[in-house]
PDB file of all heavy atoms in Angstrom:
ATOM      1  N   GLU A   1      -1.542  -3.546  -9.705  1.00  0.00           N
ATOM      2  CA  GLU A   1      -2.784  -4.286  -9.884  1.00  0.00           C
ATOM      3  C   GLU A   1      -4.000  -3.399 -10.057  1.00  0.00           C
ATOM      4  O   GLU A   1      -4.772  -3.567 -10.982  1.00  0.00           O
ATOM      5  CB  GLU A   1      -2.997  -5.224  -8.686  1.00  0.00           C
ATOM      6  CG  GLU A   1      -2.850  -6.675  -9.066  1.00  0.00           C
ATOM      7  CD  GLU A   1      -3.048  -7.574  -7.874  1.00  0.00           C
ATOM      8  OE1 GLU A   1      -4.184  -7.664  -7.372  1.00  0.00           O
ATOM      9  OE2 GLU A   1      -2.055  -8.192  -7.466  1.00  0.00           O
ATOM     10  N   LYS A   2      -4.181  -2.450  -9.132  1.00  0.00           N
ATOM     11  CA  LYS A   2      -5.379  -1.621  -9.178  1.00  0.00           C
ATOM     12  C   LYS A   2      -4.986  -0.156  -9.092  1.00  0.00           C
ATOM     13  O   LYS A   2      -4.460   0.304  -8.087  1.00  0.00           O
ATOM     14  CB  LYS A   2      -6.322  -1.984  -8.023  1.00  0.00           C
ATOM     15  CG  LYS A   2      -7.630  -1.229  -8.095  1.00  0.00           C
ATOM     16  CD  LYS A   2      -8.644  -1.750  -7.107  1.00  0.00           C
ATOM     17  CE  LYS A   2      -9.961  -1.064  -7.409  1.00  0.00           C
ATOM     18  NZ  LYS A   2     -10.636  -0.548  -6.292  1.00  0.00           N
ATOM     19  N   LEU A   3      -5.248   0.575 -10.158  1.00  0.00           N
ATOM     20  CA  LEU A   3      -4.969   2.009 -10.187  1.00  0.00           C
ATOM     21  C   LEU A   3      -6.148   2.762  -9.587  1.00  0.00           C
ATOM     22  O   LEU A   3      -7.300   2.419  -9.841  1.00  0.00           O
ATOM     23  CB  LEU A   3      -4.732   2.478 -11.621  1.00  0.00           C
ATOM     24  CG  LEU A   3      -3.517   1.874 -12.322  1.00  0.00           C
ATOM     25  CD1 LEU A   3      -3.501   2.263 -13.794  1.00  0.00           C
ATOM     26  CD2 LEU A   3      -2.231   2.323 -11.644  1.00  0.00           C
ATOM     27  N   GLU A   4      -5.847   3.803  -8.775  1.00  0.00           N
ATOM     28  CA  GLU A   4      -6.895   4.608  -8.163  1.00  0.00           C
ATOM     29  C   GLU A   4      -6.510   6.081  -8.217  1.00  0.00           C
ATOM     30  O   GLU A   4      -5.326   6.426  -8.137  1.00  0.00           O
ATOM     31  CB  GLU A   4      -7.086   4.204  -6.694  1.00  0.00           C
ATOM     32  CG  GLU A   4      -7.575   2.794  -6.508  1.00  0.00           C
ATOM     33  CD  GLU A   4      -7.746   2.425  -5.029  1.00  0.00           C
ATOM     34  OE1 GLU A   4      -7.710   3.324  -4.177  1.00  0.00           O
ATOM     35  OE2 GLU A   4      -7.908   1.229  -4.759  1.00  0.00           O
ATOM     36  N   VAL A   5      -7.522   6.938  -8.329  1.00  0.00           N
ATOM     37  CA  VAL A   5      -7.297   8.381  -8.281  1.00  0.00           C
ATOM     38  C   VAL A   5      -6.651   8.711  -6.937  1.00  0.00           C
ATOM     39  O   VAL A   5      -7.056   8.191  -5.897  1.00  0.00           O
ATOM     40  CB  VAL A   5      -8.624   9.153  -8.472  1.00  0.00           C
ATOM     41  CG1 VAL A   5      -8.439  10.635  -8.187  1.00  0.00           C
ATOM     42  CG2 VAL A   5      -9.170   8.936  -9.874  1.00  0.00           C
ATOM     43  N   GLY A   6      -5.618   9.550  -6.973  1.00  0.00           N
ATOM     44  CA  GLY A   6      -4.902   9.940  -5.762  1.00  0.00           C
ATOM     45  C   GLY A   6      -3.602   9.188  -5.555  1.00  0.00           C
ATOM     46  O   GLY A   6      -2.761   9.608  -4.755  1.00  0.00           O
ATOM     47  N   MET A   7      -3.413   8.068  -6.277  1.00  0.00           N
ATOM     48  CA  MET A   7      -2.155   7.329  -6.151  1.00  0.00           C
ATOM     49  C   MET A   7      -1.023   8.188  -6.708  1.00  0.00           C
ATOM     50  O   MET A   7      -1.190   8.888  -7.700  1.00  0.00           O
ATOM     51  CB  MET A   7      -2.218   6.007  -6.913  1.00  0.00           C
ATOM     52  CG  MET A   7      -3.131   4.979  -6.309  1.00  0.00           C
ATOM     53  SD  MET A   7      -3.219   3.460  -7.306  1.00  0.00           S
ATOM     54  CE  MET A   7      -1.844   2.550  -6.625  1.00  0.00           C
ATOM     55  N   ALA A   8       0.140   8.110  -6.066  1.00  0.00           N
ATOM     56  CA  ALA A   8       1.308   8.868  -6.511  1.00  0.00           C
ATOM     57  C   ALA A   8       2.406   7.904  -6.952  1.00  0.00           C
ATOM     58  O   ALA A   8       2.555   6.809  -6.391  1.00  0.00           O
ATOM     59  CB  ALA A   8       1.813   9.760  -5.392  1.00  0.00           C
ATOM     60  N   PHE A   9       3.149   8.332  -7.952  1.00  0.00           N
ATOM     61  CA  PHE A   9       4.239   7.534  -8.508  1.00  0.00           C
ATOM     62  C   PHE A   9       5.442   8.426  -8.751  1.00  0.00           C
ATOM     63  O   PHE A   9       5.296   9.615  -9.028  1.00  0.00           O
ATOM     64  CB  PHE A   9       3.829   6.910  -9.856  1.00  0.00           C
ATOM     65  CG  PHE A   9       2.727   5.913  -9.755  1.00  0.00           C
ATOM     66  CD1 PHE A   9       1.401   6.319  -9.837  1.00  0.00           C
ATOM     67  CD2 PHE A   9       2.990   4.570  -9.575  1.00  0.00           C
ATOM     68  CE1 PHE A   9       0.366   5.410  -9.749  1.00  0.00           C
ATOM     69  CE2 PHE A   9       1.966   3.646  -9.473  1.00  0.00           C
ATOM     70  CZ  PHE A   9       0.650   4.066  -9.565  1.00  0.00           C
ATOM     71  N   ARG A  10       6.629   7.842  -8.700  1.00  0.00           N
ATOM     72  CA  ARG A  10       7.840   8.538  -9.109  1.00  0.00           C
ATOM     73  C   ARG A  10       8.034   8.262 -10.587  1.00  0.00           C
ATOM     74  O   ARG A  10       7.917   7.133 -11.040  1.00  0.00           O
ATOM     75  CB  ARG A  10       9.046   8.022  -8.343  1.00  0.00           C
ATOM     76  CG  ARG A  10       9.246   8.707  -7.018  1.00  0.00           C
ATOM     77  CD  ARG A  10      10.703   9.152  -6.972  1.00  0.00           C
ATOM     78  NE  ARG A  10      11.130   9.924  -5.859  1.00  0.00           N
ATOM     79  CZ  ARG A  10      10.930  11.218  -5.709  1.00  0.00           C
ATOM     80  NH1 ARG A  10      10.219  11.885  -6.556  1.00  0.00           N
ATOM     81  NH2 ARG A  10      11.434  11.858  -4.694  1.00  0.00           N
ATOM     82  N   ALA A  11       8.327   9.320 -11.327  1.00  0.00           N
ATOM     83  CA  ALA A  11       8.556   9.189 -12.762  1.00  0.00           C
ATOM     84  C   ALA A  11       9.749  10.062 -13.128  1.00  0.00           C
ATOM     85  O   ALA A  11      10.397  10.640 -12.256  1.00  0.00           O
ATOM     86  CB  ALA A  11       7.303   9.630 -13.524  1.00  0.00           C
ATOM     87  N   GLN A  12      10.029  10.154 -14.426  1.00  0.00           N
ATOM     88  CA  GLN A  12      11.089  11.032 -14.906  1.00  0.00           C
ATOM     89  C   GLN A  12      10.484  12.078 -15.813  1.00  0.00           C
ATOM     90  O   GLN A  12       9.628  11.772 -16.651  1.00  0.00           O
ATOM     91  CB  GLN A  12      12.142  10.246 -15.695  1.00  0.00           C
ATOM     92  CG  GLN A  12      13.172   9.587 -14.829  1.00  0.00           C
ATOM     93  CD  GLN A  12      14.338   9.077 -15.655  1.00  0.00           C
ATOM     94  OE1 GLN A  12      14.262   8.953 -16.868  1.00  0.00           O
ATOM     95  NE2 GLN A  12      15.434   8.782 -14.990  1.00  0.00           N
ATOM     96  N   SER A  13      10.938  13.332 -15.624  1.00  0.00           N
ATOM     97  CA  SER A  13      10.483  14.404 -16.507  1.00  0.00           C
ATOM     98  C   SER A  13      11.166  14.238 -17.859  1.00  0.00           C
ATOM     99  O   SER A  13      12.054  13.399 -18.029  1.00  0.00           O
ATOM    100  CB  SER A  13      10.818  15.767 -15.902  1.00  0.00           C
ATOM    101  OG  SER A  13      12.214  15.936 -15.827  1.00  0.00           O
ATOM    102  N   THR A  14      10.765  15.054 -18.820  1.00  0.00           N
ATOM    103  CA  THR A  14      11.354  14.954 -20.162  1.00  0.00           C
ATOM    104  C   THR A  14      12.848  15.237 -20.157  1.00  0.00           C
ATOM    105  O   THR A  14      13.565  14.771 -21.031  1.00  0.00           O
ATOM    106  CB  THR A  14      10.654  15.919 -21.144  1.00  0.00           C
ATOM    107  OG1 THR A  14      10.682  17.237 -20.580  1.00  0.00           O
ATOM    108  CG2 THR A  14       9.216  15.504 -21.390  1.00  0.00           C
ATOM    109  N   ASP A  15      13.330  15.976 -19.148  1.00  0.00           N
ATOM    110  CA  ASP A  15      14.767  16.237 -19.057  1.00  0.00           C
ATOM    111  C   ASP A  15      15.483  15.247 -18.129  1.00  0.00           C
ATOM    112  O   ASP A  15      16.633  15.451 -17.748  1.00  0.00           O
ATOM    113  CB  ASP A  15      15.056  17.679 -18.651  1.00  0.00           C
ATOM    114  CG  ASP A  15      14.498  18.048 -17.285  1.00  0.00           C
ATOM    115  OD1 ASP A  15      13.864  17.181 -16.638  1.00  0.00           O
ATOM    116  OD2 ASP A  15      14.685  19.198 -16.866  1.00  0.00           O
ATOM    117  N   GLY A  16      14.789  14.161 -17.753  1.00  0.00           N
ATOM    118  CA  GLY A  16      15.404  13.093 -16.974  1.00  0.00           C
ATOM    119  C   GLY A  16      15.418  13.300 -15.474  1.00  0.00           C
ATOM    120  O   GLY A  16      15.975  12.490 -14.741  1.00  0.00           O
ATOM    121  N   GLN A  17      14.798  14.367 -14.991  1.00  0.00           N
ATOM    122  CA  GLN A  17      14.760  14.641 -13.553  1.00  0.00           C
ATOM    123  C   GLN A  17      13.638  13.833 -12.896  1.00  0.00           C
ATOM    124  O   GLN A  17      12.582  13.642 -13.494  1.00  0.00           O
ATOM    125  CB  GLN A  17      14.519  16.138 -13.307  1.00  0.00           C
ATOM    126  CG  GLN A  17      15.644  17.025 -13.798  1.00  0.00           C
ATOM    127  CD  GLN A  17      16.954  16.744 -13.090  1.00  0.00           C
ATOM    128  OE1 GLN A  17      17.018  16.629 -11.883  1.00  0.00           O
ATOM    129  NE2 GLN A  17      18.004  16.594 -13.872  1.00  0.00           N
ATOM    130  N   PRO A  18      13.862  13.376 -11.656  1.00  0.00           N
ATOM    131  CA  PRO A  18      12.780  12.664 -10.964  1.00  0.00           C
ATOM    132  C   PRO A  18      11.636  13.626 -10.663  1.00  0.00           C
ATOM    133  O   PRO A  18      11.853  14.787 -10.330  1.00  0.00           O
ATOM    134  CB  PRO A  18      13.429  12.155  -9.682  1.00  0.00           C
ATOM    135  CG  PRO A  18      14.669  12.954  -9.505  1.00  0.00           C
ATOM    136  CD  PRO A  18      15.071  13.465 -10.848  1.00  0.00           C
ATOM    137  N   ILE A  19      10.426  13.117 -10.818  1.00  0.00           N
ATOM    138  CA  ILE A  19       9.228  13.927 -10.596  1.00  0.00           C
ATOM    139  C   ILE A  19       8.163  13.028  -9.987  1.00  0.00           C
ATOM    140  O   ILE A  19       8.080  11.846 -10.309  1.00  0.00           O
ATOM    141  CB  ILE A  19       8.748  14.561 -11.926  1.00  0.00           C
ATOM    142  CG1 ILE A  19       7.578  15.510 -11.707  1.00  0.00           C
ATOM    143  CG2 ILE A  19       8.412  13.522 -12.955  1.00  0.00           C
ATOM    144  CD1 ILE A  19       7.174  16.276 -12.960  1.00  0.00           C
ATOM    145  N   GLU A  20       7.375  13.584  -9.078  1.00  0.00           N
ATOM    146  CA  GLU A  20       6.270  12.825  -8.508  1.00  0.00           C
ATOM    147  C   GLU A  20       5.012  13.188  -9.276  1.00  0.00           C
ATOM    148  O   GLU A  20       4.731  14.362  -9.503  1.00  0.00           O
ATOM    149  CB  GLU A  20       6.095  13.119  -7.030  1.00  0.00           C
ATOM    150  CG  GLU A  20       5.098  12.174  -6.388  1.00  0.00           C
ATOM    151  CD  GLU A  20       5.206  12.126  -4.888  1.00  0.00           C
ATOM    152  OE1 GLU A  20       6.303  11.880  -4.374  1.00  0.00           O
ATOM    153  OE2 GLU A  20       4.165  12.321  -4.239  1.00  0.00           O
ATOM    154  N   VAL A  21       4.280  12.172  -9.701  1.00  0.00           N
ATOM    155  CA  VAL A  21       3.027  12.394 -10.424  1.00  0.00           C
ATOM    156  C   VAL A  21       1.888  11.749  -9.641  1.00  0.00           C
ATOM    157  O   VAL A  21       2.088  10.776  -8.916  1.00  0.00           O
ATOM    158  CB  VAL A  21       3.074  11.827 -11.863  1.00  0.00           C
ATOM    159  CG1 VAL A  21       4.161  12.507 -12.681  1.00  0.00           C
ATOM    160  CG2 VAL A  21       3.265  10.324 -11.877  1.00  0.00           C
ATOM    161  N   GLU A  22       0.702  12.325  -9.789  1.00  0.00           N
ATOM    162  CA  GLU A  22      -0.479  11.818  -9.096  1.00  0.00           C
ATOM    163  C   GLU A  22      -1.557  11.500 -10.121  1.00  0.00           C
ATOM    164  O   GLU A  22      -1.757  12.263 -11.073  1.00  0.00           O
ATOM    165  CB  GLU A  22      -1.005  12.873  -8.116  1.00  0.00           C
ATOM    166  CG  GLU A  22      -2.247  12.433  -7.373  1.00  0.00           C
ATOM    167  CD  GLU A  22      -2.799  13.517  -6.460  1.00  0.00           C
ATOM    168  OE1 GLU A  22      -2.166  14.565  -6.298  1.00  0.00           O
ATOM    169  OE2 GLU A  22      -3.899  13.292  -5.926  1.00  0.00           O
ATOM    170  N   ILE A  23      -2.232  10.383  -9.928  1.00  0.00           N
ATOM    171  CA  ILE A  23      -3.364  10.049 -10.796  1.00  0.00           C
ATOM    172  C   ILE A  23      -4.522  10.964 -10.417  1.00  0.00           C
ATOM    173  O   ILE A  23      -4.929  11.009  -9.254  1.00  0.00           O
ATOM    174  CB  ILE A  23      -3.772   8.573 -10.650  1.00  0.00           C
ATOM    175  CG1 ILE A  23      -2.638   7.660 -11.139  1.00  0.00           C
ATOM    176  CG2 ILE A  23      -5.059   8.288 -11.432  1.00  0.00           C
ATOM    177  CD1 ILE A  23      -2.910   6.173 -10.954  1.00  0.00           C
ATOM    178  N   ILE A  24      -5.036  11.722 -11.410  1.00  0.00           N
ATOM    179  CA  ILE A  24      -6.141  12.644 -11.124  1.00  0.00           C
ATOM    180  C   ILE A  24      -7.446  12.207 -11.784  1.00  0.00           C
ATOM    181  O   ILE A  24      -8.500  12.719 -11.443  1.00  0.00           O
ATOM    182  CB  ILE A  24      -5.791  14.095 -11.517  1.00  0.00           C
ATOM    183  CG1 ILE A  24      -5.446  14.208 -12.999  1.00  0.00           C
ATOM    184  CG2 ILE A  24      -4.666  14.625 -10.635  1.00  0.00           C
ATOM    185  CD1 ILE A  24      -5.296  15.639 -13.497  1.00  0.00           C
ATOM    186  N   ASP A  25      -7.370  11.243 -12.726  1.00  0.00           N
ATOM    187  CA  ASP A  25      -8.587  10.758 -13.366  1.00  0.00           C
ATOM    188  C   ASP A  25      -8.321   9.412 -14.026  1.00  0.00           C
ATOM    189  O   ASP A  25      -7.214   9.166 -14.528  1.00  0.00           O
ATOM    190  CB  ASP A  25      -9.085  11.760 -14.422  1.00  0.00           C
ATOM    191  CG  ASP A  25     -10.458  11.394 -14.971  1.00  0.00           C
ATOM    192  OD1 ASP A  25     -11.362  11.079 -14.165  1.00  0.00           O
ATOM    193  OD2 ASP A  25     -10.633  11.417 -16.208  1.00  0.00           O
TER     194      ASP A  25
END
């Protein structure tokens, strides 16, 4: 619903590995 700077998400890297990403802007 509401995206905020500092929120973290699990995603997949280009090679399919799990990666944690953080909203920085």
